[in-house]
Every structure is written in C-alpha cells, then in structure tokens.
Amino acid sequence: MCAHVMIAEDDDKQAELVRRYLLREGHSVTLVADGRAAVEAVRHRPPDLLVLDVMMPRIDGLDVLRILRAEAYELPVLMLTARSTEDDLLLGLDLGADDYMTKPYSPRELMARVRTLLRRTAPRGGAAPPADEHLLTVGELVVDPERHEVRVAGGGIDCTPGEFRILAAMAGEPGRVFTRQRLLQELHGYTRYIGDRTVDVHIMNLRKKVETEPRRPEKLLTVFGVGYKLVDPTASTGTGTGTGTGGGGRAS
C-alpha cells in the first residue's frame, strides 16, 4: 500500500530517519519542520497520514491537531512526543489523535503503527465482505476484525486503533466484565506510560460513537469498582443504566 505521508518534525535527524523507513516501504513523503508549515501543507495537499511531533516551533503539535480537526480534516494522525505524562496522552486522544508514540521509539514499531492506520483508512473498493463467521455481533453493533470496521444499526463509525482493540475484545465476549487492567492489556502496543484514565477516555469516546445517548449508555456499561462490559440492550434484563452496577458477567 503506497501512500502520501507527511512528517511534521523539527528534529532533522529524527525526521530523516522516519523518512527513510517510509520511502523503503514505497510511500511518498513530505517533510515540514514547524507547526504552521504543517497546517499550511495539509491545507494545500492533505496527506494520507500525518506523523506529528508534539514539541515544535511556531505552533505545537497539539494546536496543529486542534486546528485540523476544527477545520474537519479527517486524515489519520500519529503523534510523537518526548513527554511521558498520561495527561499529554489523554489530551492528544481528546483532540482526535489516532495513535500516539513516546520517544525514544523503535522505527520498526512506528512503521507497524503506520501500516495499521493506513489499512484502516484505505478505500475498500468493491471487495466482497468477509463471511459472517468473522463478525462480532452484539445487538445492532457489529465489529469486523478482518476489515477493521465497526457498524452500528447498519451505519459505519470510525474508531482509532486503541478504541477498536477495546471494542473488539469486549464484542468477542459480550456480557463479560472487563477490568481496566485487562483493557490496558488490549492496548499493550500503545505506550508504556498509559494508565486507567486512558481506558476511561477510550470508553467515553466510544460511547459518543456507539450510544444513542452517550450520557445514558445502554451498550457500554460501567460496573462500578470493577470495569466495563458490552451488552445487547434489547436482550439484557436488569443491567442498569450504564453508569450503575450492571450486574452479572465475569470479571477479567
């Protein structure tokens, strides 16, 4: 899969290293060295993927992301940062980052993240859908692990890689209570700095996408003091309102 990837990175050596790996995989690459140049370059020619450093001159990466999302650019964004606090990670996710890596990182892992993001956003063309046995169905929610797609009531929704990992794990065992620690294990490839609050942010963002009323969830339920579970509200009885105990299921 050949794509146009933009690297917004003010460290010349780091940018050149990433550029070489991307070129080796057949991608075309645009380099910019500050946040303002990144915004202007995206406006001029939106890339298939933006690799965005947080710490940049003129406009930092978080403000670049804030501007692009406000202007309705839907391109996938992989953020890079030397910051190691969970608050920075959560802010990036809240602003619409699709994935997040902390420095120093392995270039090979970075390329794996790039491939995942490009596969998720690549046009599907006329390919036939996979057989039903590959689908994970919980009521009106359908998760397709092979095509990395999620549908709710027949309509597609866009999930970040972290959101998809959590949703696919829970859809594979509907009704089972997943502890935050178990869900963190599903995010094992994300970053070693993540914690329980990261899981909560992912769940909050998923509720905005899969629930009719995110503040009164019926599918992604909180089990107080334990974690979360995914249920079919049309088949469940006595499961509470989604912010209550939810009852039933095994914790894992």
C-alpha atoms as a PDB file:
ATOM      1  CA  MET A   1       0.000   0.000   0.000  1.00  0.00           C
ATOM      2  CA  CYS A   2       1.684   3.198  -1.196  1.00  0.00           C
ATOM      3  CA  ALA A   3       0.570   6.416   0.462  1.00  0.00           C
ATOM      4  CA  HIS A   4       1.477  10.064   0.859  1.00  0.00           C
ATOM      5  CA  VAL A   5       2.776  10.574   4.406  1.00  0.00           C
ATOM      6  CA  MET A   6       3.589  13.960   5.913  1.00  0.00           C
ATOM      7  CA  ILE A   7       6.159  14.175   8.718  1.00  0.00           C
ATOM      8  CA  ALA A   8       5.944  17.276  10.933  1.00  0.00           C
ATOM      9  CA  GLU A   9       9.135  17.089  12.995  1.00  0.00           C
ATOM     10  CA  ASP A  10      11.667  19.814  13.859  1.00  0.00           C
ATOM     11  CA  ASP A  11      14.440  17.335  14.706  1.00  0.00           C
ATOM     12  CA  ASP A  12      16.185  16.906  11.354  1.00  0.00           C
ATOM     13  CA  LYS A  13      17.841  13.596  12.246  1.00  0.00           C
ATOM     14  CA  GLN A  14      14.596  12.112  13.554  1.00  0.00           C
ATOM     15  CA  ALA A  15      12.643  13.306  10.522  1.00  0.00           C
ATOM     16  CA  GLU A  16      15.217  11.883   8.112  1.00  0.00           C
ATOM     17  CA  LEU A  17      15.202   8.519   9.887  1.00  0.00           C
ATOM     18  CA  VAL A  18      11.418   8.239   9.618  1.00  0.00           C
ATOM     19  CA  ARG A  19      11.518   9.444   6.009  1.00  0.00           C
ATOM     20  CA  ARG A  20      13.959   6.696   5.031  1.00  0.00           C
ATOM     21  CA  TYR A  21      11.825   3.984   6.597  1.00  0.00           C
ATOM     22  CA  LEU A  22       8.715   5.300   4.848  1.00  0.00           C
ATOM     23  CA  LEU A  23      10.467   5.510   1.476  1.00  0.00           C
ATOM     24  CA  ARG A  24      11.721   1.957   1.941  1.00  0.00           C
ATOM     25  CA  GLU A  25       8.086   0.835   2.198  1.00  0.00           C
ATOM     26  CA  GLY A  26       7.164   2.638  -1.002  1.00  0.00           C
ATOM     27  CA  HIS A  27       5.468   5.747   0.410  1.00  0.00           C
ATOM     28  CA  SER A  28       5.932   9.310  -0.797  1.00  0.00           C
ATOM     29  CA  VAL A  29       6.985  11.694   1.958  1.00  0.00           C
ATOM     30  CA  THR A  30       6.630  15.412   2.679  1.00  0.00           C
ATOM     31  CA  LEU A  31       8.738  16.947   5.463  1.00  0.00           C
ATOM     32  CA  VAL A  32       7.838  20.090   7.416  1.00  0.00           C
ATOM     33  CA  ALA A  33       9.726  21.467  10.395  1.00  0.00           C
ATOM     34  CA  ASP A  34       7.211  23.585  12.297  1.00  0.00           C
ATOM     35  CA  GLY A  35       3.542  23.583  13.201  1.00  0.00           C
ATOM     36  CA  ARG A  36       2.464  26.465  10.991  1.00  0.00           C
ATOM     37  CA  ALA A  37       4.078  24.839   7.967  1.00  0.00           C
ATOM     38  CA  ALA A  38       2.270  21.605   8.829  1.00  0.00           C
ATOM     39  CA  VAL A  39      -1.141  23.300   8.840  1.00  0.00           C
ATOM     40  CA  GLU A  40      -0.459  25.071   5.541  1.00  0.00           C
ATOM     41  CA  ALA A  41       0.883  21.904   3.912  1.00  0.00           C
ATOM     42  CA  VAL A  42      -2.203  19.915   4.904  1.00  0.00           C
ATOM     43  CA  ARG A  43      -4.467  22.653   3.569  1.00  0.00           C
ATOM     44  CA  HIS A  44      -2.532  22.638   0.285  1.00  0.00           C
ATOM     45  CA  ARG A  45      -2.400  18.867  -0.141  1.00  0.00           C
ATOM     46  CA  PRO A  46      -3.906  16.667   2.592  1.00  0.00           C
ATOM     47  CA  PRO A  47      -1.743  13.573   3.106  1.00  0.00           C
ATOM     48  CA  ASP A  48      -2.999  10.041   3.663  1.00  0.00           C
ATOM     49  CA  LEU A  49      -1.331  10.121   7.089  1.00  0.00           C
ATOM     50  CA  LEU A  50       0.250  12.803   9.278  1.00  0.00           C
ATOM     51  CA  VAL A  51       3.106  11.862  11.621  1.00  0.00           C
ATOM     52  CA  LEU A  52       3.024  14.811  14.014  1.00  0.00           C
ATOM     53  CA  ASP A  53       5.564  15.736  16.681  1.00  0.00           C
ATOM     54  CA  VAL A  54       4.109  17.489  19.732  1.00  0.00           C
ATOM     55  CA  MET A  55       7.055  19.780  20.537  1.00  0.00           C
ATOM     56  CA  MET A  56       7.512  22.070  17.503  1.00  0.00           C
ATOM     57  CA  PRO A  57       8.213  25.776  16.990  1.00  0.00           C
ATOM     58  CA  ARG A  58       5.642  28.413  15.984  1.00  0.00           C
ATOM     59  CA  ILE A  59       2.637  26.130  16.642  1.00  0.00           C
ATOM     60  CA  ASP A  60       2.989  22.951  18.708  1.00  0.00           C
ATOM     61  CA  GLY A  61       1.607  19.621  17.560  1.00  0.00           C
ATOM     62  CA  LEU A  62      -1.416  19.708  19.829  1.00  0.00           C
ATOM     63  CA  ASP A  63      -2.505  23.054  18.396  1.00  0.00           C
ATOM     64  CA  VAL A  64      -1.893  21.736  14.874  1.00  0.00           C
ATOM     65  CA  LEU A  65      -4.211  18.843  15.628  1.00  0.00           C
ATOM     66  CA  ARG A  66      -6.778  21.161  17.204  1.00  0.00           C
ATOM     67  CA  ILE A  67      -6.784  23.376  14.088  1.00  0.00           C
ATOM     68  CA  LEU A  68      -7.022  20.491  11.618  1.00  0.00           C
ATOM     69  CA  ARG A  69      -9.884  18.789  13.444  1.00  0.00           C
ATOM     70  CA  ALA A  70     -11.721  22.122  13.773  1.00  0.00           C
ATOM     71  CA  GLU A  71     -11.408  22.505  10.003  1.00  0.00           C
ATOM     72  CA  ALA A  72     -12.877  18.989   9.554  1.00  0.00           C
ATOM     73  CA  TYR A  73      -9.755  17.298   8.217  1.00  0.00           C
ATOM     74  CA  GLU A  74     -10.293  13.588   8.871  1.00  0.00           C
ATOM     75  CA  LEU A  75      -6.794  12.358   7.962  1.00  0.00           C
ATOM     76  CA  PRO A  76      -5.285   9.880  10.442  1.00  0.00           C
ATOM     77  CA  VAL A  77      -2.733  11.422  12.806  1.00  0.00           C
ATOM     78  CA  LEU A  78       0.057   9.571  14.602  1.00  0.00           C
ATOM     79  CA  MET A  79       1.521  11.786  17.315  1.00  0.00           C
ATOM     80  CA  LEU A  80       5.110  11.608  18.546  1.00  0.00           C
ATOM     81  CA  THR A  81       6.255  13.143  21.807  1.00  0.00           C
ATOM     82  CA  ALA A  82       9.122  13.183  24.272  1.00  0.00           C
ATOM     83  CA  ARG A  83       6.610  13.928  27.022  1.00  0.00           C
ATOM     84  CA  SER A  84       5.854  10.927  29.160  1.00  0.00           C
ATOM     85  CA  THR A  85       2.890  12.002  31.268  1.00  0.00           C
ATOM     86  CA  GLU A  86      -0.523  10.433  30.903  1.00  0.00           C
ATOM     87  CA  ASP A  87      -2.158  13.877  30.773  1.00  0.00           C
ATOM     88  CA  ASP A  88      -0.371  14.623  27.495  1.00  0.00           C
ATOM     89  CA  LEU A  89      -1.532  11.314  26.052  1.00  0.00           C
ATOM     90  CA  LEU A  90      -5.117  11.929  27.119  1.00  0.00           C
ATOM     91  CA  LEU A  91      -5.109  15.441  25.676  1.00  0.00           C
ATOM     92  CA  GLY A  92      -3.877  14.125  22.332  1.00  0.00           C
ATOM     93  CA  LEU A  93      -6.585  11.477  22.255  1.00  0.00           C
ATOM     94  CA  ASP A  94      -9.250  14.016  23.202  1.00  0.00           C
ATOM     95  CA  LEU A  95      -8.159  16.281  20.352  1.00  0.00           C
ATOM     96  CA  GLY A  96      -8.528  13.467  17.848  1.00  0.00           C
ATOM     97  CA  ALA A  97      -5.150  11.733  17.565  1.00  0.00           C
ATOM     98  CA  ASP A  98      -5.493   8.237  16.107  1.00  0.00           C
ATOM     99  CA  ASP A  99      -2.355   6.853  17.727  1.00  0.00           C
ATOM    100  CA  TYR A 100       0.406   8.096  19.998  1.00  0.00           C
ATOM    101  CA  MET A 101       4.063   7.097  20.496  1.00  0.00           C
ATOM    102  CA  THR A 102       6.560   8.349  23.054  1.00  0.00           C
ATOM    103  CA  LYS A 103      10.218   8.987  22.294  1.00  0.00           C
ATOM    104  CA  PRO A 104      12.519   7.182  22.061  1.00  0.00           C
ATOM    105  CA  TYR A 105      10.663   4.688  19.899  1.00  0.00           C
ATOM    106  CA  SER A 106      11.537   1.808  17.625  1.00  0.00           C
ATOM    107  CA  PRO A 107      11.338   2.777  13.929  1.00  0.00           C
ATOM    108  CA  ARG A 108      10.054  -0.729  13.191  1.00  0.00           C
ATOM    109  CA  GLU A 109       7.206  -0.261  15.687  1.00  0.00           C
ATOM    110  CA  LEU A 110       6.477   3.131  14.147  1.00  0.00           C
ATOM    111  CA  MET A 111       6.171   1.520  10.704  1.00  0.00           C
ATOM    112  CA  ALA A 112       3.818  -1.106  12.142  1.00  0.00           C
ATOM    113  CA  ARG A 113       1.602   1.674  13.522  1.00  0.00           C
ATOM    114  CA  VAL A 114       1.720   3.441  10.136  1.00  0.00           C
ATOM    115  CA  ARG A 115       0.631   0.279   8.327  1.00  0.00           C
ATOM    116  CA  THR A 116      -2.252  -0.207  10.764  1.00  0.00           C
ATOM    117  CA  LEU A 117      -3.522   3.342  10.301  1.00  0.00           C
ATOM    118  CA  LEU A 118      -3.215   3.193   6.513  1.00  0.00           C
ATOM    119  CA  ARG A 119      -5.064  -0.140   6.344  1.00  0.00           C
ATOM    120  CA  ARG A 120      -7.864   1.282   8.482  1.00  0.00           C
ATOM    121  CA  THR A 121      -8.362   4.303   6.259  1.00  0.00           C
ATOM    122  CA  ALA A 122      -7.681   2.767   2.832  1.00  0.00           C
ATOM    123  CA  PRO A 123     -10.594   2.755   0.333  1.00  0.00           C
ATOM    124  CA  ARG A 124     -12.285  -0.638   0.281  1.00  0.00           C
ATOM    125  CA  GLY A 125     -13.326  -0.641  -3.381  1.00  0.00           C
ATOM    126  CA  GLY A 126     -15.670  -3.378  -4.459  1.00  0.00           C
ATOM    127  CA  ALA A 127     -14.228  -6.182  -2.392  1.00  0.00           C
ATOM    128  CA  ALA A 128     -16.753  -8.657  -1.097  1.00  0.00           C
ATOM    129  CA  PRO A 129     -17.374  -8.548   2.646  1.00  0.00           C
ATOM    130  CA  PRO A 130     -15.959 -11.396   4.702  1.00  0.00           C
ATOM    131  CA  ALA A 131     -18.124 -14.302   5.765  1.00  0.00           C
ATOM    132  CA  ASP A 132     -20.457 -13.698   8.698  1.00  0.00           C
ATOM    133  CA  GLU A 133     -18.482 -16.020  10.957  1.00  0.00           C
ATOM    134  CA  HIS A 134     -15.700 -13.434  11.121  1.00  0.00           C
ATOM    135  CA  LEU A 135     -18.027 -10.772  12.511  1.00  0.00           C
ATOM    136  CA  LEU A 136     -18.518  -9.993  16.188  1.00  0.00           C
ATOM    137  CA  THR A 137     -22.154  -9.038  16.687  1.00  0.00           C
ATOM    138  CA  VAL A 138     -23.692  -7.620  19.857  1.00  0.00           C
ATOM    139  CA  GLY A 139     -27.226  -6.461  19.082  1.00  0.00           C
ATOM    140  CA  GLU A 140     -27.047  -3.678  16.493  1.00  0.00           C
ATOM    141  CA  LEU A 141     -23.279  -3.350  16.985  1.00  0.00           C
ATOM    142  CA  VAL A 142     -21.097  -5.278  14.516  1.00  0.00           C
ATOM    143  CA  VAL A 143     -17.287  -5.420  14.737  1.00  0.00           C
ATOM    144  CA  ASP A 144     -15.358  -6.750  11.735  1.00  0.00           C
ATOM    145  CA  PRO A 145     -11.805  -7.635  12.886  1.00  0.00           C
ATOM    146  CA  GLU A 146     -10.577  -8.519   9.388  1.00  0.00           C
ATOM    147  CA  ARG A 147     -11.568  -5.227   7.781  1.00  0.00           C
ATOM    148  CA  HIS A 148     -11.115  -3.171  10.962  1.00  0.00           C
ATOM    149  CA  GLU A 149     -14.656  -1.814  10.664  1.00  0.00           C
ATOM    150  CA  VAL A 150     -17.429  -1.074  13.141  1.00  0.00           C
ATOM    151  CA  ARG A 151     -21.108  -0.626  12.285  1.00  0.00           C
ATOM    152  CA  VAL A 152     -23.985   0.451  14.491  1.00  0.00           C
ATOM    153  CA  ALA A 153     -27.517  -0.093  13.158  1.00  0.00           C
ATOM    154  CA  GLY A 154     -26.004  -0.562   9.701  1.00  0.00           C
ATOM    155  CA  GLY A 155     -24.026   2.694   9.722  1.00  0.00           C
ATOM    156  CA  GLY A 156     -20.234   2.719   9.796  1.00  0.00           C
ATOM    157  CA  ILE A 157     -18.317   4.513  12.541  1.00  0.00           C
ATOM    158  CA  ASP A 158     -14.656   5.477  12.637  1.00  0.00           C
ATOM    159  CA  CYS A 159     -12.603   4.159  15.560  1.00  0.00           C
ATOM    160  CA  THR A 160      -8.998   4.839  16.476  1.00  0.00           C
ATOM    161  CA  PRO A 161      -6.746   1.757  16.807  1.00  0.00           C
ATOM    162  CA  GLY A 162      -6.995   1.865  20.596  1.00  0.00           C
ATOM    163  CA  GLU A 163     -10.781   2.180  20.560  1.00  0.00           C
ATOM    164  CA  PHE A 164     -11.024  -0.681  18.081  1.00  0.00           C
ATOM    165  CA  ARG A 165      -8.849  -3.001  20.207  1.00  0.00           C
ATOM    166  CA  ILE A 166     -11.050  -2.382  23.240  1.00  0.00           C
ATOM    167  CA  LEU A 167     -14.322  -2.767  21.348  1.00  0.00           C
ATOM    168  CA  ALA A 168     -13.221  -5.930  19.529  1.00  0.00           C
ATOM    169  CA  ALA A 169     -12.100  -7.539  22.791  1.00  0.00           C
ATOM    170  CA  MET A 170     -15.398  -6.754  24.505  1.00  0.00           C
ATOM    171  CA  ALA A 171     -17.506  -7.764  21.480  1.00  0.00           C
ATOM    172  CA  GLY A 172     -15.749 -11.128  21.495  1.00  0.00           C
ATOM    173  CA  GLU A 173     -17.158 -11.814  24.975  1.00  0.00           C
ATOM    174  CA  PRO A 174     -20.393  -9.834  25.340  1.00  0.00           C
ATOM    175  CA  GLY A 175     -21.678  -9.561  28.875  1.00  0.00           C
ATOM    176  CA  ARG A 176     -18.278 -10.269  30.390  1.00  0.00           C
ATOM    177  CA  VAL A 177     -16.919  -7.652  32.777  1.00  0.00           C
ATOM    178  CA  PHE A 178     -13.506  -6.387  31.680  1.00  0.00           C
ATOM    179  CA  THR A 179     -11.354  -4.787  34.345  1.00  0.00           C
ATOM    180  CA  ARG A 180      -9.405  -1.693  33.413  1.00  0.00           C
ATOM    181  CA  GLN A 181      -6.208  -3.713  33.758  1.00  0.00           C
ATOM    182  CA  ARG A 182      -7.483  -6.252  31.230  1.00  0.00           C
ATOM    183  CA  LEU A 183      -8.378  -3.479  28.804  1.00  0.00           C
ATOM    184  CA  LEU A 184      -4.946  -1.948  29.291  1.00  0.00           C
ATOM    185  CA  GLN A 185      -3.514  -5.285  28.152  1.00  0.00           C
ATOM    186  CA  GLU A 186      -5.527  -4.920  24.942  1.00  0.00           C
ATOM    187  CA  LEU A 187      -3.705  -1.602  24.476  1.00  0.00           C
ATOM    188  CA  HIS A 188      -0.283  -3.183  25.090  1.00  0.00           C
ATOM    189  CA  GLY A 189       1.172  -1.737  21.902  1.00  0.00           C
ATOM    190  CA  TYR A 190       0.175   1.834  22.732  1.00  0.00           C
ATOM    191  CA  THR A 191       2.772   3.159  25.183  1.00  0.00           C
ATOM    192  CA  ARG A 192       4.257   2.083  28.474  1.00  0.00           C
ATOM    193  CA  TYR A 193       3.014   5.278  30.165  1.00  0.00           C
ATOM    194  CA  ILE A 194      -0.717   4.655  29.907  1.00  0.00           C
ATOM    195  CA  GLY A 195      -2.931   4.094  32.933  1.00  0.00           C
ATOM    196  CA  ASP A 196      -6.520   3.581  33.999  1.00  0.00           C
ATOM    197  CA  ARG A 197      -7.610   7.067  32.908  1.00  0.00           C
ATOM    198  CA  THR A 198      -6.637   6.240  29.333  1.00  0.00           C
ATOM    199  CA  VAL A 199      -9.125   3.364  29.315  1.00  0.00           C
ATOM    200  CA  ASP A 200     -11.820   5.680  30.682  1.00  0.00           C
ATOM    201  CA  VAL A 201     -11.167   8.192  27.883  1.00  0.00           C
ATOM    202  CA  HIS A 202     -11.428   5.460  25.251  1.00  0.00           C
ATOM    203  CA  ILE A 203     -14.714   4.249  26.738  1.00  0.00           C
ATOM    204  CA  MET A 204     -16.058   7.817  26.863  1.00  0.00           C
ATOM    205  CA  ASN A 205     -15.127   8.357  23.195  1.00  0.00           C
ATOM    206  CA  LEU A 206     -16.617   5.006  22.178  1.00  0.00           C
ATOM    207  CA  ARG A 207     -19.883   5.874  23.897  1.00  0.00           C
ATOM    208  CA  LYS A 208     -20.093   9.027  21.798  1.00  0.00           C
ATOM    209  CA  LYS A 209     -19.892   6.813  18.717  1.00  0.00           C
ATOM    210  CA  VAL A 210     -21.995   3.754  19.554  1.00  0.00           C
ATOM    211  CA  GLU A 211     -24.602   5.028  22.006  1.00  0.00           C
ATOM    212  CA  THR A 212     -27.793   6.901  21.140  1.00  0.00           C
ATOM    213  CA  GLU A 213     -27.406   8.893  24.376  1.00  0.00           C
ATOM    214  CA  PRO A 214     -23.754   8.768  25.486  1.00  0.00           C
ATOM    215  CA  ARG A 215     -24.614  10.147  28.946  1.00  0.00           C
ATOM    216  CA  ARG A 216     -27.109   7.295  29.428  1.00  0.00           C
ATOM    217  CA  PRO A 217     -25.299   4.337  27.829  1.00  0.00           C
ATOM    218  CA  GLU A 218     -27.148   1.111  27.134  1.00  0.00           C
ATOM    219  CA  LYS A 219     -24.389  -0.867  25.372  1.00  0.00           C
ATOM    220  CA  LEU A 220     -21.089   0.039  27.046  1.00  0.00           C
ATOM    221  CA  LEU A 221     -21.911  -0.256  30.722  1.00  0.00           C
ATOM    222  CA  THR A 222     -19.867   0.685  33.762  1.00  0.00           C
ATOM    223  CA  VAL A 223     -19.600  -1.908  36.515  1.00  0.00           C
ATOM    224  CA  PHE A 224     -18.661   0.249  39.479  1.00  0.00           C
ATOM    225  CA  GLY A 225     -15.455  -0.742  41.211  1.00  0.00           C
ATOM    226  CA  VAL A 226     -14.642  -3.326  38.552  1.00  0.00           C
ATOM    227  CA  GLY A 227     -14.611  -2.088  34.953  1.00  0.00           C
ATOM    228  CA  TYR A 228     -16.817  -2.207  31.871  1.00  0.00           C
ATOM    229  CA  LYS A 229     -18.888  -4.618  29.812  1.00  0.00           C
ATOM    230  CA  LEU A 230     -20.582  -4.610  26.421  1.00  0.00           C
ATOM    231  CA  VAL A 231     -24.177  -5.844  26.210  1.00  0.00           C
ATOM    232  CA  ASP A 232     -27.093  -6.060  23.802  1.00  0.00           C
ATOM    233  CA  PRO A 233     -29.675  -3.760  25.410  1.00  0.00           C
ATOM    234  CA  THR A 234     -32.533  -5.482  23.563  1.00  0.00           C
ATOM    235  CA  ALA A 235     -31.615  -8.825  25.124  1.00  0.00           C
ATOM    236  CA  SER A 236     -30.403  -7.728  28.573  1.00  0.00           C
ATOM    237  CA  THR A 237     -32.535  -7.568  31.666  1.00  0.00           C
ATOM    238  CA  GLY A 238     -31.629  -5.948  34.947  1.00  0.00           C
ATOM    239  CA  THR A 239     -28.373  -4.499  33.634  1.00  0.00           C
ATOM    240  CA  GLY A 240     -28.896  -0.995  34.935  1.00  0.00           C
ATOM    241  CA  THR A 241     -28.482   2.258  33.027  1.00  0.00           C
ATOM    242  CA  GLY A 242     -24.842   2.021  32.039  1.00  0.00           C
ATOM    243  CA  THR A 243     -23.475   4.114  34.865  1.00  0.00           C
ATOM    244  CA  GLY A 244     -24.755   1.751  37.514  1.00  0.00           C
ATOM    245  CA  THR A 245     -23.512  -1.663  38.586  1.00  0.00           C
ATOM    246  CA  GLY A 246     -24.662  -3.556  35.523  1.00  0.00           C
ATOM    247  CA  GLY A 247     -24.798  -6.860  37.384  1.00  0.00           C
ATOM    248  CA  GLY A 248     -23.812 -10.242  36.041  1.00  0.00           C
ATOM    249  CA  GLY A 249     -20.893 -11.348  33.941  1.00  0.00           C
ATOM    250  CA  ARG A 250     -17.398 -12.453  34.940  1.00  0.00           C
ATOM    251  CA  ALA A 251     -14.641 -10.007  35.726  1.00  0.00           C
ATOM    252  CA  SER A 252     -11.463 -10.465  33.726  1.00  0.00           C
END
